Every structure is written in C-alpha cells, then in structure tokens.
Amino acid sequence: MNPTLVLLVSLALPLTAMAAQGGYTGPNETQNAPTTVAQAMQAADDSRVSLTGHIIASLGDEEYRFKDSTGEMIVEIDHHLWGDRQVGPDTEVTLMGEVDKDTHETTVDVKLIQISQ
C-alpha cells in the first residue's frame, strides 16, 4: 500500500471519530437562568444568565450597552467572542454569561453570543 495513503488514512480516522462524538442532552443550569435585564439586575453575583435583545452602543474597552424590553445594562464582550459576525443595533442577539456585581453596578460578563434567527 502507498505510504502516503496510509498516512492520510491514519490522520483522518481520529477526525471522523471526533465528529461522531455525542454530548450531554439532559437539563442544565441555564434553563432556569434569568432571561431579562430586570431579572439579571436582581440576580446574585456569578449567576448564569441568557439575555435576548439588542446591543445598542459600544462603550469602548469591550463594554457595550444591551437593551431588552425590561431595561438596559452594560455587558462585557471579549473581542474574540465576536468571530467574524457583524452585529448592529437592529440585530437581535442572545448573550449567555454571568452576572458581575460590583459595589456600584451590575454587569454581565458574556461568554457566548448567538445571533437570533
């Protein structure tokens, strides 16, 4: 057998095995997570949240103003989370992250951005 072919097949097998892997399908902690700005503002520090609404302004240094039907709050989104997505004030997004309570303000540290369909 051709040595190059053997090498290619041996490299491809782990990739196909990874693609076939499954994952956990049961309940998770975000199912009961706060889903509105109003709820997030009242949630305990480090609570998980899943907020759907609009990012309406960039405040600089990875901070943005987020708005839903219940209010507005500051969210922190690391640059690498954007990927190649373009999001404007009219784009509905779901932000998943954790509440960050400080002495003077409550924000959300975003861990995942999804563009709503």
PDB file of N, CA and C in Angstrom:
ATOM      1  N   MET A   1       0.855  -1.180   0.000  1.00  0.00           N
ATOM      2  CA  MET A   1       0.000   0.000   0.000  1.00  0.00           C
ATOM      3  C   MET A   1       0.894   1.234   0.000  1.00  0.00           C
ATOM      4  N   ASN A   2       0.435   2.281  -0.646  1.00  0.00           N
ATOM      5  CA  ASN A   2       1.165   3.533  -0.755  1.00  0.00           C
ATOM      6  C   ASN A   2       1.347   4.153   0.638  1.00  0.00           C
ATOM      7  N   PRO A   3       2.586   4.486   1.060  1.00  0.00           N
ATOM      8  CA  PRO A   3       2.818   5.048   2.397  1.00  0.00           C
ATOM      9  C   PRO A   3       2.088   6.377   2.615  1.00  0.00           C
ATOM     10  N   THR A   4       1.954   7.168   1.582  1.00  0.00           N
ATOM     11  CA  THR A   4       1.241   8.443   1.713  1.00  0.00           C
ATOM     12  C   THR A   4      -0.232   8.202   2.001  1.00  0.00           C
ATOM     13  N   LEU A   5      -0.819   7.227   1.326  1.00  0.00           N
ATOM     14  CA  LEU A   5      -2.216   6.886   1.549  1.00  0.00           C
ATOM     15  C   LEU A   5      -2.426   6.384   2.971  1.00  0.00           C
ATOM     16  N   VAL A   6      -1.521   5.547   3.461  1.00  0.00           N
ATOM     17  CA  VAL A   6      -1.604   5.029   4.828  1.00  0.00           C
ATOM     18  C   VAL A   6      -1.563   6.185   5.822  1.00  0.00           C
ATOM     19  N   LEU A   7      -0.668   7.145   5.587  1.00  0.00           N
ATOM     20  CA  LEU A   7      -0.543   8.296   6.474  1.00  0.00           C
ATOM     21  C   LEU A   7      -1.827   9.130   6.468  1.00  0.00           C
ATOM     22  N   LEU A   8      -2.386   9.387   5.308  1.00  0.00           N
ATOM     23  CA  LEU A   8      -3.622  10.169   5.211  1.00  0.00           C
ATOM     24  C   LEU A   8      -4.790   9.475   5.899  1.00  0.00           C
ATOM     25  N   VAL A   9      -4.912   8.185   5.711  1.00  0.00           N
ATOM     26  CA  VAL A   9      -5.996   7.433   6.341  1.00  0.00           C
ATOM     27  C   VAL A   9      -5.823   7.442   7.854  1.00  0.00           C
ATOM     28  N   SER A  10      -4.592   7.272   8.341  1.00  0.00           N
ATOM     29  CA  SER A  10      -4.374   7.241   9.785  1.00  0.00           C
ATOM     30  C   SER A  10      -4.631   8.609  10.417  1.00  0.00           C
ATOM     31  N   LEU A  11      -4.419   9.690   9.672  1.00  0.00           N
ATOM     32  CA  LEU A  11      -4.716  11.025  10.189  1.00  0.00           C
ATOM     33  C   LEU A  11      -6.208  11.323  10.152  1.00  0.00           C
ATOM     34  N   ALA A  12      -6.913  10.788   9.188  1.00  0.00           N
ATOM     35  CA  ALA A  12      -8.341  11.064   9.033  1.00  0.00           C
ATOM     36  C   ALA A  12      -9.203  10.297  10.032  1.00  0.00           C
ATOM     37  N   LEU A  13      -8.776   9.130  10.462  1.00  0.00           N
ATOM     38  CA  LEU A  13      -9.589   8.320  11.369  1.00  0.00           C
ATOM     39  C   LEU A  13      -9.920   9.030  12.677  1.00  0.00           C
ATOM     40  N   PRO A  14      -8.959   9.662  13.353  1.00  0.00           N
ATOM     41  CA  PRO A  14      -9.330  10.366  14.593  1.00  0.00           C
ATOM     42  C   PRO A  14     -10.324  11.509  14.347  1.00  0.00           C
ATOM     43  N   LEU A  15     -10.234  12.158  13.198  1.00  0.00           N
ATOM     44  CA  LEU A  15     -11.167  13.243  12.890  1.00  0.00           C
ATOM     45  C   LEU A  15     -12.592  12.729  12.730  1.00  0.00           C
ATOM     46  N   THR A  16     -12.752  11.604  12.090  1.00  0.00           N
ATOM     47  CA  THR A  16     -14.103  11.048  11.933  1.00  0.00           C
ATOM     48  C   THR A  16     -14.639  10.559  13.263  1.00  0.00           C
ATOM     49  N   ALA A  17     -13.764  10.061  14.121  1.00  0.00           N
ATOM     50  CA  ALA A  17     -14.203   9.619  15.442  1.00  0.00           C
ATOM     51  C   ALA A  17     -14.673  10.803  16.272  1.00  0.00           C
ATOM     52  N   MET A  18     -13.967  11.940  16.163  1.00  0.00           N
ATOM     53  CA  MET A  18     -14.369  13.128  16.918  1.00  0.00           C
ATOM     54  C   MET A  18     -15.708  13.663  16.420  1.00  0.00           C
ATOM     55  N   ALA A  19     -15.943  13.604  15.145  1.00  0.00           N
ATOM     56  CA  ALA A  19     -17.193  14.113  14.598  1.00  0.00           C
ATOM     57  C   ALA A  19     -18.385  13.292  15.060  1.00  0.00           C
ATOM     58  N   ALA A  20     -18.161  12.040  15.388  1.00  0.00           N
ATOM     59  CA  ALA A  20     -19.250  11.164  15.789  1.00  0.00           C
ATOM     60  C   ALA A  20     -19.539  11.219  17.284  1.00  0.00           C
ATOM     61  N   GLN A  21     -18.728  11.959  18.044  1.00  0.00           N
ATOM     62  CA  GLN A  21     -18.925  12.012  19.479  1.00  0.00           C
ATOM     63  C   GLN A  21     -20.219  12.722  19.834  1.00  0.00           C
ATOM     64  N   GLY A  22     -20.809  12.275  20.883  1.00  0.00           N
ATOM     65  CA  GLY A  22     -22.029  12.886  21.377  1.00  0.00           C
ATOM     66  C   GLY A  22     -21.743  13.805  22.539  1.00  0.00           C
ATOM     67  N   GLY A  23     -22.774  14.176  23.233  1.00  0.00           N
ATOM     68  CA  GLY A  23     -22.617  15.044  24.387  1.00  0.00           C
ATOM     69  C   GLY A  23     -23.806  14.917  25.307  1.00  0.00           C
ATOM     70  N   TYR A  24     -23.777  15.669  26.368  1.00  0.00           N
ATOM     71  CA  TYR A  24     -24.842  15.647  27.372  1.00  0.00           C
ATOM     72  C   TYR A  24     -26.114  16.258  26.799  1.00  0.00           C
ATOM     73  N   THR A  25     -27.255  15.595  27.010  1.00  0.00           N
ATOM     74  CA  THR A  25     -28.520  16.081  26.457  1.00  0.00           C
ATOM     75  C   THR A  25     -29.574  16.359  27.520  1.00  0.00           C
ATOM     76  N   GLY A  26     -29.205  16.244  28.777  1.00  0.00           N
ATOM     77  CA  GLY A  26     -30.168  16.441  29.859  1.00  0.00           C
ATOM     78  C   GLY A  26     -30.305  17.898  30.264  1.00  0.00           C
ATOM     79  N   PRO A  27     -30.985  18.133  31.372  1.00  0.00           N
ATOM     80  CA  PRO A  27     -31.213  19.501  31.830  1.00  0.00           C
ATOM     81  C   PRO A  27     -29.902  20.194  32.195  1.00  0.00           C
ATOM     82  N   ASN A  28     -29.918  21.524  32.130  1.00  0.00           N
ATOM     83  CA  ASN A  28     -28.731  22.275  32.511  1.00  0.00           C
ATOM     84  C   ASN A  28     -29.124  23.477  33.353  1.00  0.00           C
ATOM     85  N   GLU A  29     -28.131  24.083  33.976  1.00  0.00           N
ATOM     86  CA  GLU A  29     -28.379  25.175  34.911  1.00  0.00           C
ATOM     87  C   GLU A  29     -28.912  26.437  34.247  1.00  0.00           C
ATOM     88  N   THR A  30     -28.727  26.596  32.951  1.00  0.00           N
ATOM     89  CA  THR A  30     -29.204  27.811  32.289  1.00  0.00           C
ATOM     90  C   THR A  30     -30.691  27.755  31.973  1.00  0.00           C
ATOM     91  N   GLN A  31     -31.337  26.609  32.159  1.00  0.00           N
ATOM     92  CA  GLN A  31     -32.763  26.532  31.864  1.00  0.00           C
ATOM     93  C   GLN A  31     -33.591  27.395  32.809  1.00  0.00           C
ATOM     94  N   ASN A  32     -33.123  27.613  34.021  1.00  0.00           N
ATOM     95  CA  ASN A  32     -33.837  28.461  34.973  1.00  0.00           C
ATOM     96  C   ASN A  32     -33.114  29.787  35.196  1.00  0.00           C
ATOM     97  N   ALA A  33     -32.190  30.115  34.321  1.00  0.00           N
ATOM     98  CA  ALA A  33     -31.398  31.332  34.457  1.00  0.00           C
ATOM     99  C   ALA A  33     -32.248  32.556  34.140  1.00  0.00           C
ATOM    100  N   PRO A  34     -31.906  33.688  34.755  1.00  0.00           N
ATOM    101  CA  PRO A  34     -32.593  34.932  34.396  1.00  0.00           C
ATOM    102  C   PRO A  34     -32.511  35.179  32.890  1.00  0.00           C
ATOM    103  N   THR A  35     -33.614  35.662  32.315  1.00  0.00           N
ATOM    104  CA  THR A  35     -33.661  35.869  30.867  1.00  0.00           C
ATOM    105  C   THR A  35     -33.963  37.307  30.478  1.00  0.00           C
ATOM    106  N   THR A  36     -34.068  38.201  31.448  1.00  0.00           N
ATOM    107  CA  THR A  36     -34.314  39.609  31.140  1.00  0.00           C
ATOM    108  C   THR A  36     -33.303  40.474  31.884  1.00  0.00           C
ATOM    109  N   VAL A  37     -33.142  41.697  31.397  1.00  0.00           N
ATOM    110  CA  VAL A  37     -32.269  42.650  32.077  1.00  0.00           C
ATOM    111  C   VAL A  37     -32.745  42.877  33.504  1.00  0.00           C
ATOM    112  N   ALA A  38     -34.044  43.047  33.688  1.00  0.00           N
ATOM    113  CA  ALA A  38     -34.592  43.280  35.027  1.00  0.00           C
ATOM    114  C   ALA A  38     -34.248  42.133  35.971  1.00  0.00           C
ATOM    115  N   GLN A  39     -34.362  40.900  35.510  1.00  0.00           N
ATOM    116  CA  GLN A  39     -34.020  39.745  36.341  1.00  0.00           C
ATOM    117  C   GLN A  39     -32.516  39.681  36.600  1.00  0.00           C
ATOM    118  N   ALA A  40     -31.719  39.971  35.590  1.00  0.00           N
ATOM    119  CA  ALA A  40     -30.263  39.941  35.741  1.00  0.00           C
ATOM    120  C   ALA A  40     -29.796  40.972  36.762  1.00  0.00           C
ATOM    121  N   MET A  41     -30.433  42.143  36.765  1.00  0.00           N
ATOM    122  CA  MET A  41     -30.051  43.196  37.706  1.00  0.00           C
ATOM    123  C   MET A  41     -30.316  42.776  39.156  1.00  0.00           C
ATOM    124  N   GLN A  42     -31.276  41.885  39.371  1.00  0.00           N
ATOM    125  CA  GLN A  42     -31.620  41.421  40.715  1.00  0.00           C
ATOM    126  C   GLN A  42     -30.924  40.114  41.090  1.00  0.00           C
ATOM    127  N   ALA A  43     -30.288  39.467  40.135  1.00  0.00           N
ATOM    128  CA  ALA A  43     -29.667  38.160  40.372  1.00  0.00           C
ATOM    129  C   ALA A  43     -28.399  38.298  41.215  1.00  0.00           C
ATOM    130  N   ALA A  44     -28.029  37.212  41.840  1.00  0.00           N
ATOM    131  CA  ALA A  44     -26.818  37.176  42.658  1.00  0.00           C
ATOM    132  C   ALA A  44     -25.568  37.202  41.778  1.00  0.00           C
ATOM    133  N   ASP A  45     -24.474  37.652  42.356  1.00  0.00           N
ATOM    134  CA  ASP A  45     -23.189  37.654  41.667  1.00  0.00           C
ATOM    135  C   ASP A  45     -22.862  36.247  41.172  1.00  0.00           C
ATOM    136  N   ASP A  46     -22.331  36.166  39.972  1.00  0.00           N
ATOM    137  CA  ASP A  46     -21.931  34.910  39.320  1.00  0.00           C
ATOM    138  C   ASP A  46     -23.103  34.054  38.855  1.00  0.00           C
ATOM    139  N   SER A  47     -24.337  34.567  38.931  1.00  0.00           N
ATOM    140  CA  SER A  47     -25.485  33.824  38.393  1.00  0.00           C
ATOM    141  C   SER A  47     -25.356  33.743  36.878  1.00  0.00           C
ATOM    142  N   ARG A  48     -25.729  32.617  36.327  1.00  0.00           N
ATOM    143  CA  ARG A  48     -25.749  32.475  34.869  1.00  0.00           C
ATOM    144  C   ARG A  48     -26.996  33.153  34.316  1.00  0.00           C
ATOM    145  N   VAL A  49     -26.834  33.806  33.159  1.00  0.00           N
ATOM    146  CA  VAL A  49     -27.958  34.476  32.514  1.00  0.00           C
ATOM    147  C   VAL A  49     -27.963  34.160  31.031  1.00  0.00           C
ATOM    148  N   SER A  50     -29.128  34.285  30.438  1.00  0.00           N
ATOM    149  CA  SER A  50     -29.300  34.149  28.992  1.00  0.00           C
ATOM    150  C   SER A  50     -30.251  35.260  28.568  1.00  0.00           C
ATOM    151  N   LEU A  51     -29.694  36.322  27.978  1.00  0.00           N
ATOM    152  CA  LEU A  51     -30.455  37.523  27.662  1.00  0.00           C
ATOM    153  C   LEU A  51     -30.647  37.658  26.159  1.00  0.00           C
ATOM    154  N   THR A  52     -31.871  37.959  25.734  1.00  0.00           N
ATOM    155  CA  THR A  52     -32.144  38.191  24.321  1.00  0.00           C
ATOM    156  C   THR A  52     -32.604  39.625  24.142  1.00  0.00           C
ATOM    157  N   GLY A  53     -31.951  40.312  23.232  1.00  0.00           N
ATOM    158  CA  GLY A  53     -32.269  41.712  22.967  1.00  0.00           C
ATOM    159  C   GLY A  53     -31.302  42.285  21.959  1.00  0.00           C
ATOM    160  N   HIS A  54     -30.914  43.546  22.173  1.00  0.00           N
ATOM    161  CA  HIS A  54     -30.086  44.250  21.188  1.00  0.00           C
ATOM    162  C   HIS A  54     -28.921  44.961  21.861  1.00  0.00           C
ATOM    163  N   ILE A  55     -27.760  44.892  21.227  1.00  0.00           N
ATOM    164  CA  ILE A  55     -26.618  45.690  21.658  1.00  0.00           C
ATOM    165  C   ILE A  55     -26.781  47.031  20.960  1.00  0.00           C
ATOM    166  N   ILE A  56     -26.986  48.080  21.742  1.00  0.00           N
ATOM    167  CA  ILE A  56     -27.357  49.367  21.134  1.00  0.00           C
ATOM    168  C   ILE A  56     -26.206  50.367  21.077  1.00  0.00           C
ATOM    169  N   ALA A  57     -25.094  50.092  21.768  1.00  0.00           N
ATOM    170  CA  ALA A  57     -23.964  51.021  21.705  1.00  0.00           C
ATOM    171  C   ALA A  57     -22.694  50.350  22.206  1.00  0.00           C
ATOM    172  N   SER A  58     -21.578  50.745  21.607  1.00  0.00           N
ATOM    173  CA  SER A  58     -20.267  50.361  22.104  1.00  0.00           C
ATOM    174  C   SER A  58     -19.804  51.448  23.056  1.00  0.00           C
ATOM    175  N   LEU A  59     -19.333  51.044  24.222  1.00  0.00           N
ATOM    176  CA  LEU A  59     -18.861  51.997  25.220  1.00  0.00           C
ATOM    177  C   LEU A  59     -17.337  52.009  25.301  1.00  0.00           C
ATOM    178  N   GLY A  60     -16.690  51.224  24.457  1.00  0.00           N
ATOM    179  CA  GLY A  60     -15.238  51.129  24.454  1.00  0.00           C
ATOM    180  C   GLY A  60     -14.742  50.067  25.408  1.00  0.00           C
ATOM    181  N   ASP A  61     -13.512  49.616  25.176  1.00  0.00           N
ATOM    182  CA  ASP A  61     -12.846  48.654  26.050  1.00  0.00           C
ATOM    183  C   ASP A  61     -13.701  47.427  26.341  1.00  0.00           C
ATOM    184  N   GLU A  62     -14.286  46.843  25.297  1.00  0.00           N
ATOM    185  CA  GLU A  62     -15.078  45.604  25.378  1.00  0.00           C
ATOM    186  C   GLU A  62     -16.382  45.751  26.152  1.00  0.00           C
ATOM    187  N   GLU A  63     -16.833  46.971  26.398  1.00  0.00           N
ATOM    188  CA  GLU A  63     -18.110  47.179  27.086  1.00  0.00           C
ATOM    189  C   GLU A  63     -19.145  47.713  26.102  1.00  0.00           C
ATOM    190  N   TYR A  64     -20.375  47.214  26.264  1.00  0.00           N
ATOM    191  CA  TYR A  64     -21.474  47.564  25.367  1.00  0.00           C
ATOM    192  C   TYR A  64     -22.739  47.793  26.183  1.00  0.00           C
ATOM    193  N   ARG A  65     -23.646  48.603  25.638  1.00  0.00           N
ATOM    194  CA  ARG A  65     -24.946  48.799  26.260  1.00  0.00           C
ATOM    195  C   ARG A  65     -25.911  47.830  25.585  1.00  0.00           C
ATOM    196  N   PHE A  66     -26.566  47.002  26.403  1.00  0.00           N
ATOM    197  CA  PHE A  66     -27.512  45.992  25.940  1.00  0.00           C
ATOM    198  C   PHE A  66     -28.910  46.393  26.389  1.00  0.00           C
ATOM    199  N   LYS A  67     -29.900  46.150  25.527  1.00  0.00           N
ATOM    200  CA  LYS A  67     -31.278  46.534  25.847  1.00  0.00           C
ATOM    201  C   LYS A  67     -32.237  45.408  25.481  1.00  0.00           C
ATOM    202  N   ASP A  68     -33.183  45.152  26.382  1.00  0.00           N
ATOM    203  CA  ASP A  68     -34.319  44.291  26.057  1.00  0.00           C
ATOM    204  C   ASP A  68     -35.587  45.028  26.474  1.00  0.00           C
ATOM    205  N   SER A  69     -36.700  44.363  26.467  1.00  0.00           N
ATOM    206  CA  SER A  69     -37.978  45.039  26.750  1.00  0.00           C
ATOM    207  C   SER A  69     -38.108  45.482  28.211  1.00  0.00           C
ATOM    208  N   THR A  70     -37.209  45.002  29.088  1.00  0.00           N
ATOM    209  CA  THR A  70     -37.314  45.342  30.515  1.00  0.00           C
ATOM    210  C   THR A  70     -36.306  46.388  30.972  1.00  0.00           C
ATOM    211  N   GLY A  71     -35.363  46.743  30.117  1.00  0.00           N
ATOM    212  CA  GLY A  71     -34.379  47.750  30.513  1.00  0.00           C
ATOM    213  C   GLY A  71     -33.064  47.629  29.778  1.00  0.00           C
ATOM    214  N   GLU A  72     -32.072  48.354  30.303  1.00  0.00           N
ATOM    215  CA  GLU A  72     -30.735  48.382  29.718  1.00  0.00           C
ATOM    216  C   GLU A  72     -29.700  48.058  30.782  1.00  0.00           C
ATOM    217  N   MET A  73     -28.566  47.514  30.325  1.00  0.00           N
ATOM    218  CA  MET A  73     -27.446  47.256  31.223  1.00  0.00           C
ATOM    219  C   MET A  73     -26.166  47.179  30.415  1.00  0.00           C
ATOM    220  N   ILE A  74     -25.040  47.237  31.120  1.00  0.00           N
ATOM    221  CA  ILE A  74     -23.735  47.118  30.498  1.00  0.00           C
ATOM    222  C   ILE A  74     -23.356  45.640  30.443  1.00  0.00           C
ATOM    223  N   VAL A  75     -22.827  45.226  29.292  1.00  0.00           N
ATOM    224  CA  VAL A  75     -22.313  43.866  29.138  1.00  0.00           C
ATOM    225  C   VAL A  75     -20.867  43.960  28.666  1.00  0.00           C
ATOM    226  N   GLU A  76     -20.057  43.007  29.088  1.00  0.00           N
ATOM    227  CA  GLU A  76     -18.662  42.952  28.662  1.00  0.00           C
ATOM    228  C   GLU A  76     -18.496  41.774  27.724  1.00  0.00           C
ATOM    229  N   ILE A  77     -18.028  42.074  26.500  1.00  0.00           N
ATOM    230  CA  ILE A  77     -17.850  41.035  25.484  1.00  0.00           C
ATOM    231  C   ILE A  77     -16.402  41.064  25.014  1.00  0.00           C
ATOM    232  N   ASP A  78     -15.657  40.008  25.308  1.00  0.00           N
ATOM    233  CA  ASP A  78     -14.272  39.921  24.861  1.00  0.00           C
ATOM    234  C   ASP A  78     -14.224  39.908  23.337  1.00  0.00           C
ATOM    235  N   HIS A  79     -13.196  40.538  22.775  1.00  0.00           N
ATOM    236  CA  HIS A  79     -13.076  40.669  21.322  1.00  0.00           C
ATOM    237  C   HIS A  79     -13.147  39.330  20.594  1.00  0.00           C
ATOM    238  N   HIS A  80     -12.550  38.299  21.139  1.00  0.00           N
ATOM    239  CA  HIS A  80     -12.508  37.006  20.440  1.00  0.00           C
ATOM    240  C   HIS A  80     -13.884  36.351  20.312  1.00  0.00           C
ATOM    241  N   LEU A  81     -14.855  36.773  21.115  1.00  0.00           N
ATOM    242  CA  LEU A  81     -16.190  36.163  21.041  1.00  0.00           C
ATOM    243  C   LEU A  81     -16.957  36.583  19.795  1.00  0.00           C
ATOM    244  N   TRP A  82     -16.581  37.700  19.190  1.00  0.00           N
ATOM    245  CA  TRP A  82     -17.295  38.189  18.009  1.00  0.00           C
ATOM    246  C   TRP A  82     -17.059  37.300  16.797  1.00  0.00           C
ATOM    247  N   GLY A  83     -15.880  36.704  16.683  1.00  0.00           N
ATOM    248  CA  GLY A  83     -15.571  35.931  15.490  1.00  0.00           C
ATOM    249  C   GLY A  83     -15.669  36.828  14.277  1.00  0.00           C
ATOM    250  N   ASP A  84     -16.327  36.367  13.229  1.00  0.00           N
ATOM    251  CA  ASP A  84     -16.491  37.182  12.029  1.00  0.00           C
ATOM    252  C   ASP A  84     -17.902  37.772  11.917  1.00  0.00           C
ATOM    253  N   ARG A  85     -18.655  37.729  13.005  1.00  0.00           N
ATOM    254  CA  ARG A  85     -20.037  38.216  12.986  1.00  0.00           C
ATOM    255  C   ARG A  85     -20.100  39.742  13.019  1.00  0.00           C
ATOM    256  N   GLN A  86     -21.026  40.283  12.279  1.00  0.00           N
ATOM    257  CA  GLN A  86     -21.313  41.715  12.288  1.00  0.00           C
ATOM    258  C   GLN A  86     -22.656  41.908  12.982  1.00  0.00           C
ATOM    259  N   VAL A  87     -22.683  42.723  14.032  1.00  0.00           N
ATOM    260  CA  VAL A  87     -23.892  42.946  14.812  1.00  0.00           C
ATOM    261  C   VAL A  87     -24.120  44.444  14.924  1.00  0.00           C
ATOM    262  N   GLY A  88     -25.336  44.875  14.594  1.00  0.00           N
ATOM    263  CA  GLY A  88     -25.713  46.272  14.734  1.00  0.00           C
ATOM    264  C   GLY A  88     -26.868  46.407  15.708  1.00  0.00           C
ATOM    265  N   PRO A  89     -27.311  47.630  15.966  1.00  0.00           N
ATOM    266  CA  PRO A  89     -28.397  47.853  16.923  1.00  0.00           C
ATOM    267  C   PRO A  89     -29.709  47.158  16.553  1.00  0.00           C
ATOM    268  N   ASP A  90     -29.902  46.839  15.273  1.00  0.00           N
ATOM    269  CA  ASP A  90     -31.133  46.170  14.831  1.00  0.00           C
ATOM    270  C   ASP A  90     -31.033  44.650  14.878  1.00  0.00           C
ATOM    271  N   THR A  91     -29.837  44.122  15.158  1.00  0.00           N
ATOM    272  CA  THR A  91     -29.621  42.676  15.195  1.00  0.00           C
ATOM    273  C   THR A  91     -30.013  42.130  16.565  1.00  0.00           C
ATOM    274  N   GLU A  92     -30.963  41.192  16.576  1.00  0.00           N
ATOM    275  CA  GLU A  92     -31.338  40.566  17.843  1.00  0.00           C
ATOM    276  C   GLU A  92     -30.310  39.483  18.170  1.00  0.00           C
ATOM    277  N   VAL A  93     -29.807  39.528  19.402  1.00  0.00           N
ATOM    278  CA  VAL A  93     -28.801  38.566  19.843  1.00  0.00           C
ATOM    279  C   VAL A  93     -29.218  37.940  21.164  1.00  0.00           C
ATOM    280  N   THR A  94     -28.687  36.769  21.430  1.00  0.00           N
ATOM    281  CA  THR A  94     -28.802  36.148  22.742  1.00  0.00           C
ATOM    282  C   THR A  94     -27.404  36.101  23.322  1.00  0.00           C
ATOM    283  N   LEU A  95     -27.263  36.650  24.519  1.00  0.00           N
ATOM    284  CA  LEU A  95     -25.986  36.678  25.218  1.00  0.00           C
ATOM    285  C   LEU A  95     -26.071  35.750  26.417  1.00  0.00           C
ATOM    286  N   MET A  96     -25.134  34.840  26.524  1.00  0.00           N
ATOM    287  CA  MET A  96     -25.071  33.950  27.680  1.00  0.00           C
ATOM    288  C   MET A  96     -23.817  34.293  28.462  1.00  0.00           C
ATOM    289  N   GLY A  97     -23.988  34.423  29.768  1.00  0.00           N
ATOM    290  CA  GLY A  97     -22.846  34.790  30.578  1.00  0.00           C
ATOM    291  C   GLY A  97     -23.159  34.741  32.052  1.00  0.00           C
ATOM    292  N   GLU A  98     -22.404  35.538  32.821  1.00  0.00           N
ATOM    293  CA  GLU A  98     -22.538  35.544  34.272  1.00  0.00           C
ATOM    294  C   GLU A  98     -22.698  36.973  34.772  1.00  0.00           C
ATOM    295  N   VAL A  99     -23.538  37.128  35.778  1.00  0.00           N
ATOM    296  CA  VAL A  99     -23.729  38.419  36.425  1.00  0.00           C
ATOM    297  C   VAL A  99     -22.456  38.775  37.187  1.00  0.00           C
ATOM    298  N   ASP A 100     -22.054  40.037  37.054  1.00  0.00           N
ATOM    299  CA  ASP A 100     -20.890  40.540  37.773  1.00  0.00           C
ATOM    300  C   ASP A 100     -21.342  41.726  38.611  1.00  0.00           C
ATOM    301  N   LYS A 101     -21.533  41.483  39.898  1.00  0.00           N
ATOM    302  CA  LYS A 101     -21.985  42.536  40.822  1.00  0.00           C
ATOM    303  C   LYS A 101     -20.764  43.236  41.397  1.00  0.00           C
ATOM    304  N   ASP A 102     -20.760  44.548  41.243  1.00  0.00           N
ATOM    305  CA  ASP A 102     -19.725  45.388  41.814  1.00  0.00           C
ATOM    306  C   ASP A 102     -20.398  46.282  42.848  1.00  0.00           C
ATOM    307  N   THR A 103     -19.631  47.035  43.568  1.00  0.00           N
ATOM    308  CA  THR A 103     -20.204  47.921  44.580  1.00  0.00           C
ATOM    309  C   THR A 103     -21.181  48.916  43.981  1.00  0.00           C
ATOM    310  N   HIS A 104     -20.867  49.403  42.777  1.00  0.00           N
ATOM    311  CA  HIS A 104     -21.666  50.466  42.182  1.00  0.00           C
ATOM    312  C   HIS A 104     -22.525  50.051  40.996  1.00  0.00           C
ATOM    313  N   GLU A 105     -22.270  48.882  40.406  1.00  0.00           N
ATOM    314  CA  GLU A 105     -23.039  48.500  39.226  1.00  0.00           C
ATOM    315  C   GLU A 105     -23.126  46.990  39.060  1.00  0.00           C
ATOM    316  N   THR A 106     -24.094  46.591  38.262  1.00  0.00           N
ATOM    317  CA  THR A 106     -24.263  45.191  37.892  1.00  0.00           C
ATOM    318  C   THR A 106     -24.091  45.093  36.387  1.00  0.00           C
ATOM    319  N   THR A 107     -23.211  44.202  35.951  1.00  0.00           N
ATOM    320  CA  THR A 107     -22.971  43.980  34.536  1.00  0.00           C
ATOM    321  C   THR A 107     -23.063  42.485  34.260  1.00  0.00           C
ATOM    322  N   VAL A 108     -22.955  42.128  32.988  1.00  0.00           N
ATOM    323  CA  VAL A 108     -22.887  40.717  32.611  1.00  0.00           C
ATOM    324  C   VAL A 108     -21.593  40.490  31.845  1.00  0.00           C
ATOM    325  N   ASP A 109     -20.831  39.494  32.283  1.00  0.00           N
ATOM    326  CA  ASP A 109     -19.631  39.057  31.597  1.00  0.00           C
ATOM    327  C   ASP A 109     -20.067  37.988  30.597  1.00  0.00           C
ATOM    328  N   VAL A 110     -20.097  38.353  29.318  1.00  0.00           N
ATOM    329  CA  VAL A 110     -20.626  37.472  28.275  1.00  0.00           C
ATOM    330  C   VAL A 110     -19.620  36.380  27.937  1.00  0.00           C
ATOM    331  N   LYS A 111     -20.119  35.159  27.835  1.00  0.00           N
ATOM    332  CA  LYS A 111     -19.299  34.002  27.476  1.00  0.00           C
ATOM    333  C   LYS A 111     -19.614  33.483  26.075  1.00  0.00           C
ATOM    334  N   LEU A 112     -20.827  33.795  25.562  1.00  0.00           N
ATOM    335  CA  LEU A 112     -21.260  33.297  24.254  1.00  0.00           C
ATOM    336  C   LEU A 112     -22.255  34.268  23.643  1.00  0.00           C
ATOM    337  N   ILE A 113     -22.087  34.535  22.348  1.00  0.00           N
ATOM    338  CA  ILE A 113     -23.021  35.379  21.587  1.00  0.00           C
ATOM    339  C   ILE A 113     -23.676  34.518  20.518  1.00  0.00           C
ATOM    340  N   GLN A 114     -25.003  34.589  20.424  1.00  0.00           N
ATOM    341  CA  GLN A 114     -25.724  33.927  19.344  1.00  0.00           C
ATOM    342  C   GLN A 114     -26.597  34.952  18.654  1.00  0.00           C
ATOM    343  N   ILE A 115     -26.573  34.960  17.341  1.00  0.00           N
ATOM    344  CA  ILE A 115     -27.465  35.836  16.592  1.00  0.00           C
ATOM    345  C   ILE A 115     -28.789  35.125  16.444  1.00  0.00           C
ATOM    346  N   SER A 116     -29.866  35.806  16.850  1.00  0.00           N
ATOM    347  CA  SER A 116     -31.203  35.204  16.801  1.00  0.00           C
ATOM    348  C   SER A 116     -31.654  35.040  15.359  1.00  0.00           C
ATOM    349  N   GLN A 117     -32.442  34.013  15.129  1.00  0.00           N
ATOM    350  CA  GLN A 117     -32.952  33.744  13.777  1.00  0.00           C
ATOM    351  C   GLN A 117     -34.275  34.394  13.533  1.00  0.00           C
TER     352      GLN A 117
END
